[in-house]
Amino acid sequence: MTLTAQARGTIAELRESVARLHSELTRNELVVWTAGNVSARVPGEDLMVIKPSGVSYDDLNADTMVVTDLHGNLVHGDLAPSSDTAAHAYVYRHLPDVGGVVHTHSTYATAWAARGEPIPCVLTMIADEFGGEIPVGPFALIGDDSIGRGIVETLRATRSPAVLMRNHGPFTVGATARDAVKAAVMVEDVARTVHIAHQLGTPVPLSRSDVDRLHARYQNVYGQR
């Protein structure tokens, strides 16, 4: 594949940033061993950068990141891409506003996925980041784009950037890979808090109008602009 100098430069930057973002998964205790992955869409190209399969987090760097097309075919790199590449690629093909995808097996969020139960919107943080409950997607086997199809069909019906794929774990998306990592960190945090709340009693849900106001403020006003 022939790429412009600008595209090659963008890919080099993304390989560096995606490698760094994987350290956020370990720092926030969202993964163990070699599980989990971060990917980023290459703007203006039908390409993505993703973690290689089965490589220790200690050994990840810009050079080990691989580049595939949006059907999961290896374009650049010496290692086989993540086993979840087909799912990431399907998301990018069907959700054009998504620039980053993350998958983890973080403990509490995955526990909710094992139960096949959405995380209810009982916290302002859930309203802020997810715009309502965090939904459950269908069970699908790894190996083709079945997981990607489940992610897309679930996310299209919600404002949430996270989906709990049943009996598997959370997938998160964002305008950038960093945004998707942030959503992965936050989904684990709220999954833990709501689990504890259930142990104490019945959490009180937020009203739809309050959820809408909280979500709009967080998405459009909060932080530095």
C-alpha atoms as a PDB file:
ATOM      1  CA  MET A   1       0.000   0.000   0.000  1.00  0.00           C
ATOM      2  CA  THR A   2       1.373   3.382  -1.012  1.00  0.00           C
ATOM      3  CA  LEU A   3       0.928   6.099   1.620  1.00  0.00           C
ATOM      4  CA  THR A   4       1.659   9.794   1.540  1.00  0.00           C
ATOM      5  CA  ALA A   5       4.378  11.209   3.771  1.00  0.00           C
ATOM      6  CA  GLN A   6       1.649  12.817   5.884  1.00  0.00           C
ATOM      7  CA  ALA A   7      -0.137   9.472   6.355  1.00  0.00           C
ATOM      8  CA  ARG A   8       3.128   7.766   7.304  1.00  0.00           C
ATOM      9  CA  GLY A   9       3.795  10.507   9.847  1.00  0.00           C
ATOM     10  CA  THR A  10       0.293  10.159  11.304  1.00  0.00           C
ATOM     11  CA  ILE A  11       0.714   6.400  11.619  1.00  0.00           C
ATOM     12  CA  ALA A  12       4.049   6.835  13.392  1.00  0.00           C
ATOM     13  CA  GLU A  13       2.425   9.210  15.884  1.00  0.00           C
ATOM     14  CA  LEU A  14      -0.509   6.851  16.447  1.00  0.00           C
ATOM     15  CA  ARG A  15       1.769   3.855  17.003  1.00  0.00           C
ATOM     16  CA  GLU A  16       3.537   5.875  19.694  1.00  0.00           C
ATOM     17  CA  SER A  17       0.339   7.104  21.369  1.00  0.00           C
ATOM     18  CA  VAL A  18      -1.466   3.749  21.220  1.00  0.00           C
ATOM     19  CA  ALA A  19       1.550   2.053  22.786  1.00  0.00           C
ATOM     20  CA  ARG A  20       1.524   4.621  25.608  1.00  0.00           C
ATOM     21  CA  LEU A  21      -2.213   4.260  26.154  1.00  0.00           C
ATOM     22  CA  HIS A  22      -1.815   0.552  26.873  1.00  0.00           C
ATOM     23  CA  SER A  23       0.075   1.530  30.021  1.00  0.00           C
ATOM     24  CA  GLU A  24      -3.143   3.178  31.237  1.00  0.00           C
ATOM     25  CA  LEU A  25      -4.851  -0.220  31.145  1.00  0.00           C
ATOM     26  CA  THR A  26      -2.262  -1.735  33.456  1.00  0.00           C
ATOM     27  CA  ARG A  27      -1.958   1.386  35.627  1.00  0.00           C
ATOM     28  CA  ASN A  28      -5.710   1.354  36.239  1.00  0.00           C
ATOM     29  CA  GLU A  29      -5.735  -2.440  36.736  1.00  0.00           C
ATOM     30  CA  LEU A  30      -8.129  -3.077  33.845  1.00  0.00           C
ATOM     31  CA  VAL A  31      -6.204  -6.036  32.374  1.00  0.00           C
ATOM     32  CA  VAL A  32      -4.088  -9.006  33.386  1.00  0.00           C
ATOM     33  CA  TRP A  33      -1.295 -10.844  31.561  1.00  0.00           C
ATOM     34  CA  THR A  34      -1.713 -10.051  27.826  1.00  0.00           C
ATOM     35  CA  ALA A  35      -5.496  -9.542  27.750  1.00  0.00           C
ATOM     36  CA  GLY A  36      -7.097  -6.356  26.443  1.00  0.00           C
ATOM     37  CA  ASN A  37      -6.293  -3.993  23.606  1.00  0.00           C
ATOM     38  CA  VAL A  38      -6.398  -0.408  22.389  1.00  0.00           C
ATOM     39  CA  SER A  39      -6.753   0.649  18.763  1.00  0.00           C
ATOM     40  CA  ALA A  40      -6.922   3.931  16.879  1.00  0.00           C
ATOM     41  CA  ARG A  41      -8.318   4.784  13.462  1.00  0.00           C
ATOM     42  CA  VAL A  42      -5.856   6.402  11.043  1.00  0.00           C
ATOM     43  CA  PRO A  43      -7.650   9.611   9.939  1.00  0.00           C
ATOM     44  CA  GLY A  44      -8.256   9.806   6.202  1.00  0.00           C
ATOM     45  CA  GLU A  45      -7.173   6.214   5.605  1.00  0.00           C
ATOM     46  CA  ASP A  46      -8.971   2.863   5.824  1.00  0.00           C
ATOM     47  CA  LEU A  47      -6.423   1.772   8.392  1.00  0.00           C
ATOM     48  CA  MET A  48      -6.068   1.321  12.138  1.00  0.00           C
ATOM     49  CA  VAL A  49      -3.268   0.839  14.650  1.00  0.00           C
ATOM     50  CA  ILE A  50      -3.753  -1.941  17.210  1.00  0.00           C
ATOM     51  CA  LYS A  51      -1.886  -3.986  19.808  1.00  0.00           C
ATOM     52  CA  PRO A  52      -0.274  -7.251  18.681  1.00  0.00           C
ATOM     53  CA  SER A  53      -1.675 -10.552  19.923  1.00  0.00           C
ATOM     54  CA  GLY A  54      -0.311 -12.210  23.052  1.00  0.00           C
ATOM     55  CA  VAL A  55       2.548  -9.784  23.713  1.00  0.00           C
ATOM     56  CA  SER A  56       3.406  -8.773  27.273  1.00  0.00           C
ATOM     57  CA  TYR A  57       2.500  -5.217  28.232  1.00  0.00           C
ATOM     58  CA  ASP A  58       6.112  -4.734  29.346  1.00  0.00           C
ATOM     59  CA  ASP A  59       7.226  -5.380  25.776  1.00  0.00           C
ATOM     60  CA  LEU A  60       4.822  -2.996  24.051  1.00  0.00           C
ATOM     61  CA  ASN A  61       6.238   0.034  22.279  1.00  0.00           C
ATOM     62  CA  ALA A  62       5.656   1.959  19.073  1.00  0.00           C
ATOM     63  CA  ASP A  63       7.575  -0.605  17.017  1.00  0.00           C
ATOM     64  CA  THR A  64       5.443  -3.521  18.214  1.00  0.00           C
ATOM     65  CA  MET A  65       2.154  -1.830  17.304  1.00  0.00           C
ATOM     66  CA  VAL A  66       0.687  -3.196  14.079  1.00  0.00           C
ATOM     67  CA  VAL A  67      -1.268  -1.514  11.294  1.00  0.00           C
ATOM     68  CA  THR A  68      -4.170  -3.274   9.598  1.00  0.00           C
ATOM     69  CA  ASP A  69      -6.821  -2.285   7.115  1.00  0.00           C
ATOM     70  CA  LEU A  70     -10.442  -2.009   8.244  1.00  0.00           C
ATOM     71  CA  HIS A  71     -11.026  -5.661   7.441  1.00  0.00           C
ATOM     72  CA  GLY A  72      -8.267  -6.782   9.799  1.00  0.00           C
ATOM     73  CA  ASN A  73      -5.622  -7.545   7.159  1.00  0.00           C
ATOM     74  CA  LEU A  74      -2.055  -6.814   8.268  1.00  0.00           C
ATOM     75  CA  VAL A  75      -0.560  -3.848   6.412  1.00  0.00           C
ATOM     76  CA  HIS A  76       2.492  -3.003   8.480  1.00  0.00           C
ATOM     77  CA  GLY A  77       4.274  -4.667  11.389  1.00  0.00           C
ATOM     78  CA  ASP A  78       6.170  -7.826  12.250  1.00  0.00           C
ATOM     79  CA  LEU A  79       3.637  -9.346  14.662  1.00  0.00           C
ATOM     80  CA  ALA A  80       0.153 -10.813  14.355  1.00  0.00           C
ATOM     81  CA  PRO A  81      -2.564  -8.323  15.314  1.00  0.00           C
ATOM     82  CA  SER A  82      -4.821  -8.719  18.346  1.00  0.00           C
ATOM     83  CA  SER A  83      -7.385 -11.519  18.325  1.00  0.00           C
ATOM     84  CA  ASP A  84     -10.031  -8.775  18.639  1.00  0.00           C
ATOM     85  CA  THR A  85      -8.916  -7.024  15.438  1.00  0.00           C
ATOM     86  CA  ALA A  86     -11.985  -8.103  13.460  1.00  0.00           C
ATOM     87  CA  ALA A  87     -14.271  -6.591  16.106  1.00  0.00           C
ATOM     88  CA  HIS A  88     -12.382  -3.276  16.143  1.00  0.00           C
ATOM     89  CA  ALA A  89     -12.332  -3.163  12.346  1.00  0.00           C
ATOM     90  CA  TYR A  90     -16.085  -3.746  12.126  1.00  0.00           C
ATOM     91  CA  VAL A  91     -16.707  -0.875  14.548  1.00  0.00           C
ATOM     92  CA  TYR A  92     -14.592   1.503  12.469  1.00  0.00           C
ATOM     93  CA  ARG A  93     -16.322   0.464   9.239  1.00  0.00           C
ATOM     94  CA  HIS A  94     -19.795   1.060  10.642  1.00  0.00           C
ATOM     95  CA  LEU A  95     -19.341   3.925  13.134  1.00  0.00           C
ATOM     96  CA  PRO A  96     -17.457   6.634  11.216  1.00  0.00           C
ATOM     97  CA  ASP A  97     -17.290   9.027  14.180  1.00  0.00           C
ATOM     98  CA  VAL A  98     -15.354   6.505  16.270  1.00  0.00           C
ATOM     99  CA  GLY A  99     -11.615   7.106  16.337  1.00  0.00           C
ATOM    100  CA  GLY A 100     -10.623   4.711  19.121  1.00  0.00           C
ATOM    101  CA  VAL A 101     -11.737   1.350  20.519  1.00  0.00           C
ATOM    102  CA  VAL A 102     -10.714  -0.341  23.773  1.00  0.00           C
ATOM    103  CA  HIS A 103     -11.418  -3.806  25.150  1.00  0.00           C
ATOM    104  CA  THR A 104     -10.632  -4.955  28.683  1.00  0.00           C
ATOM    105  CA  HIS A 105     -11.619  -7.714  31.076  1.00  0.00           C
ATOM    106  CA  SER A 106     -11.763  -5.340  34.045  1.00  0.00           C
ATOM    107  CA  THR A 107     -13.121  -7.194  37.070  1.00  0.00           C
ATOM    108  CA  TYR A 108     -16.322  -5.418  38.032  1.00  0.00           C
ATOM    109  CA  ALA A 109     -17.494  -4.457  34.548  1.00  0.00           C
ATOM    110  CA  THR A 110     -16.857  -8.016  33.380  1.00  0.00           C
ATOM    111  CA  ALA A 111     -18.820  -9.333  36.366  1.00  0.00           C
ATOM    112  CA  TRP A 112     -21.830  -7.325  35.161  1.00  0.00           C
ATOM    113  CA  ALA A 113     -21.247  -8.748  31.666  1.00  0.00           C
ATOM    114  CA  ALA A 114     -21.169 -12.274  33.117  1.00  0.00           C
ATOM    115  CA  ARG A 115     -24.586 -11.629  34.654  1.00  0.00           C
ATOM    116  CA  GLY A 116     -25.886 -10.197  31.380  1.00  0.00           C
ATOM    117  CA  GLU A 117     -27.102  -7.167  33.303  1.00  0.00           C
ATOM    118  CA  PRO A 118     -26.774  -3.497  32.297  1.00  0.00           C
ATOM    119  CA  ILE A 119     -25.299  -1.101  34.846  1.00  0.00           C
ATOM    120  CA  PRO A 120     -28.191   1.165  35.885  1.00  0.00           C
ATOM    121  CA  CYS A 121     -27.856   4.931  35.802  1.00  0.00           C
ATOM    122  CA  VAL A 122     -27.802   5.576  39.545  1.00  0.00           C
ATOM    123  CA  LEU A 123     -24.785   7.912  39.698  1.00  0.00           C
ATOM    124  CA  THR A 124     -24.142  11.350  38.249  1.00  0.00           C
ATOM    125  CA  MET A 125     -20.868   9.988  36.837  1.00  0.00           C
ATOM    126  CA  ILE A 126     -22.821   7.420  34.829  1.00  0.00           C
ATOM    127  CA  ALA A 127     -25.140  10.133  33.504  1.00  0.00           C
ATOM    128  CA  ASP A 128     -22.153  12.362  32.688  1.00  0.00           C
ATOM    129  CA  GLU A 129     -20.065   9.898  30.720  1.00  0.00           C
ATOM    130  CA  PHE A 130     -22.582   7.306  29.517  1.00  0.00           C
ATOM    131  CA  GLY A 131     -25.864   9.246  29.183  1.00  0.00           C
ATOM    132  CA  GLY A 132     -27.909   6.489  30.804  1.00  0.00           C
ATOM    133  CA  GLU A 133     -27.491   2.851  31.717  1.00  0.00           C
ATOM    134  CA  ILE A 134     -24.454   1.009  30.373  1.00  0.00           C
ATOM    135  CA  PRO A 135     -25.988  -1.586  28.043  1.00  0.00           C
ATOM    136  CA  VAL A 136     -25.316  -5.279  27.566  1.00  0.00           C
ATOM    137  CA  GLY A 137     -24.522  -6.598  24.104  1.00  0.00           C
ATOM    138  CA  PRO A 138     -25.137 -10.123  22.813  1.00  0.00           C
ATOM    139  CA  PHE A 139     -22.845 -13.075  23.338  1.00  0.00           C
ATOM    140  CA  ALA A 140     -20.541 -13.703  20.380  1.00  0.00           C
ATOM    141  CA  LEU A 141     -17.539 -15.919  19.779  1.00  0.00           C
ATOM    142  CA  ILE A 142     -14.082 -14.520  19.035  1.00  0.00           C
ATOM    143  CA  GLY A 143     -12.657 -15.157  15.574  1.00  0.00           C
ATOM    144  CA  ASP A 144     -14.733 -13.138  13.127  1.00  0.00           C
ATOM    145  CA  ASP A 145     -16.657  -9.860  13.196  1.00  0.00           C
ATOM    146  CA  SER A 146     -19.580 -11.221  15.287  1.00  0.00           C
ATOM    147  CA  ILE A 147     -18.435  -9.272  18.339  1.00  0.00           C
ATOM    148  CA  GLY A 148     -18.135  -6.127  16.257  1.00  0.00           C
ATOM    149  CA  ARG A 149     -21.676  -6.560  14.967  1.00  0.00           C
ATOM    150  CA  GLY A 150     -22.947  -6.878  18.533  1.00  0.00           C
ATOM    151  CA  ILE A 151     -21.042  -3.788  19.637  1.00  0.00           C
ATOM    152  CA  VAL A 152     -22.372  -1.673  16.782  1.00  0.00           C
ATOM    153  CA  GLU A 153     -26.008  -2.750  17.046  1.00  0.00           C
ATOM    154  CA  THR A 154     -25.964  -2.098  20.796  1.00  0.00           C
ATOM    155  CA  LEU A 155     -24.190   1.276  20.697  1.00  0.00           C
ATOM    156  CA  ARG A 156     -26.405   2.581  17.893  1.00  0.00           C
ATOM    157  CA  ALA A 157     -29.373   2.374  20.290  1.00  0.00           C
ATOM    158  CA  THR A 158     -27.731   4.307  23.135  1.00  0.00           C
ATOM    159  CA  ARG A 159     -25.608   7.349  24.013  1.00  0.00           C
ATOM    160  CA  SER A 160     -23.195   5.155  25.930  1.00  0.00           C
ATOM    161  CA  PRO A 161     -19.595   4.864  24.699  1.00  0.00           C
ATOM    162  CA  ALA A 162     -19.420   1.502  26.498  1.00  0.00           C
ATOM    163  CA  VAL A 163     -21.084  -1.861  25.990  1.00  0.00           C
ATOM    164  CA  LEU A 164     -20.790  -4.934  28.203  1.00  0.00           C
ATOM    165  CA  MET A 165     -20.552  -7.851  25.794  1.00  0.00           C
ATOM    166  CA  ARG A 166     -22.327 -10.717  27.539  1.00  0.00           C
ATOM    167  CA  ASN A 167     -20.036 -13.347  29.108  1.00  0.00           C
ATOM    168  CA  HIS A 168     -17.025 -11.479  27.710  1.00  0.00           C
ATOM    169  CA  GLY A 169     -16.338  -7.961  28.974  1.00  0.00           C
ATOM    170  CA  PRO A 170     -16.497  -4.247  28.204  1.00  0.00           C
ATOM    171  CA  PHE A 171     -15.740  -2.578  24.894  1.00  0.00           C
ATOM    172  CA  THR A 172     -15.540   1.213  24.791  1.00  0.00           C
ATOM    173  CA  VAL A 173     -15.333   3.723  21.959  1.00  0.00           C
ATOM    174  CA  GLY A 174     -14.431   7.376  21.610  1.00  0.00           C
ATOM    175  CA  ALA A 175     -13.600  10.131  19.165  1.00  0.00           C
ATOM    176  CA  THR A 176      -9.968   9.275  19.945  1.00  0.00           C
ATOM    177  CA  ALA A 177      -8.213   6.287  21.463  1.00  0.00           C
ATOM    178  CA  ARG A 178      -7.610   8.345  24.608  1.00  0.00           C
ATOM    179  CA  ASP A 179     -11.347   9.016  24.914  1.00  0.00           C
ATOM    180  CA  ALA A 180     -12.033   5.288  24.614  1.00  0.00           C
ATOM    181  CA  VAL A 181      -9.461   4.530  27.333  1.00  0.00           C
ATOM    182  CA  LYS A 182     -11.093   7.132  29.589  1.00  0.00           C
ATOM    183  CA  ALA A 183     -14.461   5.425  29.092  1.00  0.00           C
ATOM    184  CA  ALA A 184     -12.869   2.055  29.946  1.00  0.00           C
ATOM    185  CA  VAL A 185     -11.468   3.465  33.192  1.00  0.00           C
ATOM    186  CA  MET A 186     -14.790   5.055  34.108  1.00  0.00           C
ATOM    187  CA  VAL A 187     -16.929   2.008  33.295  1.00  0.00           C
ATOM    188  CA  GLU A 188     -14.877  -0.081  35.707  1.00  0.00           C
ATOM    189  CA  ASP A 189     -15.107   2.586  38.413  1.00  0.00           C
ATOM    190  CA  VAL A 190     -18.896   2.881  38.233  1.00  0.00           C
ATOM    191  CA  ALA A 191     -19.332  -0.896  37.892  1.00  0.00           C
ATOM    192  CA  ARG A 192     -17.513  -1.321  41.207  1.00  0.00           C
ATOM    193  CA  THR A 193     -19.458   1.444  42.951  1.00  0.00           C
ATOM    194  CA  VAL A 194     -22.871   0.217  41.786  1.00  0.00           C
ATOM    195  CA  HIS A 195     -21.964  -3.344  42.799  1.00  0.00           C
ATOM    196  CA  ILE A 196     -21.201  -2.103  46.317  1.00  0.00           C
ATOM    197  CA  ALA A 197     -24.418  -0.075  46.339  1.00  0.00           C
ATOM    198  CA  HIS A 198     -26.388  -3.238  45.527  1.00  0.00           C
ATOM    199  CA  GLN A 199     -24.770  -4.982  48.477  1.00  0.00           C
ATOM    200  CA  LEU A 200     -26.032  -2.207  50.757  1.00  0.00           C
ATOM    201  CA  GLY A 201     -29.567  -2.070  49.350  1.00  0.00           C
ATOM    202  CA  THR A 202     -31.403  -0.875  46.255  1.00  0.00           C
ATOM    203  CA  PRO A 203     -29.707   2.021  44.410  1.00  0.00           C
ATOM    204  CA  VAL A 204     -31.961   4.968  43.542  1.00  0.00           C
ATOM    205  CA  PRO A 205     -32.122   5.657  39.777  1.00  0.00           C
ATOM    206  CA  LEU A 206     -31.769   9.157  38.366  1.00  0.00           C
ATOM    207  CA  SER A 207     -34.699  10.668  36.487  1.00  0.00           C
ATOM    208  CA  ARG A 208     -34.516  10.836  32.695  1.00  0.00           C
ATOM    209  CA  SER A 209     -34.587  14.639  32.763  1.00  0.00           C
ATOM    210  CA  ASP A 210     -31.734  14.815  35.260  1.00  0.00           C
ATOM    211  CA  VAL A 211     -29.711  12.329  33.223  1.00  0.00           C
ATOM    212  CA  ASP A 212     -30.223  14.435  30.095  1.00  0.00           C
ATOM    213  CA  ARG A 213     -29.149  17.651  31.839  1.00  0.00           C
ATOM    214  CA  LEU A 214     -26.123  16.058  33.469  1.00  0.00           C
ATOM    215  CA  HIS A 215     -25.012  14.442  30.213  1.00  0.00           C
ATOM    216  CA  ALA A 216     -25.396  17.647  28.201  1.00  0.00           C
ATOM    217  CA  ARG A 217     -23.440  19.685  30.745  1.00  0.00           C
ATOM    218  CA  TYR A 218     -20.605  17.177  31.014  1.00  0.00           C
ATOM    219  CA  GLN A 219     -20.284  16.713  27.264  1.00  0.00           C
ATOM    220  CA  ASN A 220     -20.534  20.411  26.344  1.00  0.00           C
ATOM    221  CA  VAL A 221     -19.478  22.544  29.334  1.00  0.00           C
ATOM    222  CA  TYR A 222     -17.237  20.546  31.697  1.00  0.00           C
ATOM    223  CA  GLY A 223     -13.468  20.967  31.485  1.00  0.00           C
ATOM    224  CA  GLN A 224     -11.272  23.263  29.420  1.00  0.00           C
ATOM    225  CA  ARG A 225     -12.521  24.268  26.006  1.00  0.00           C
END
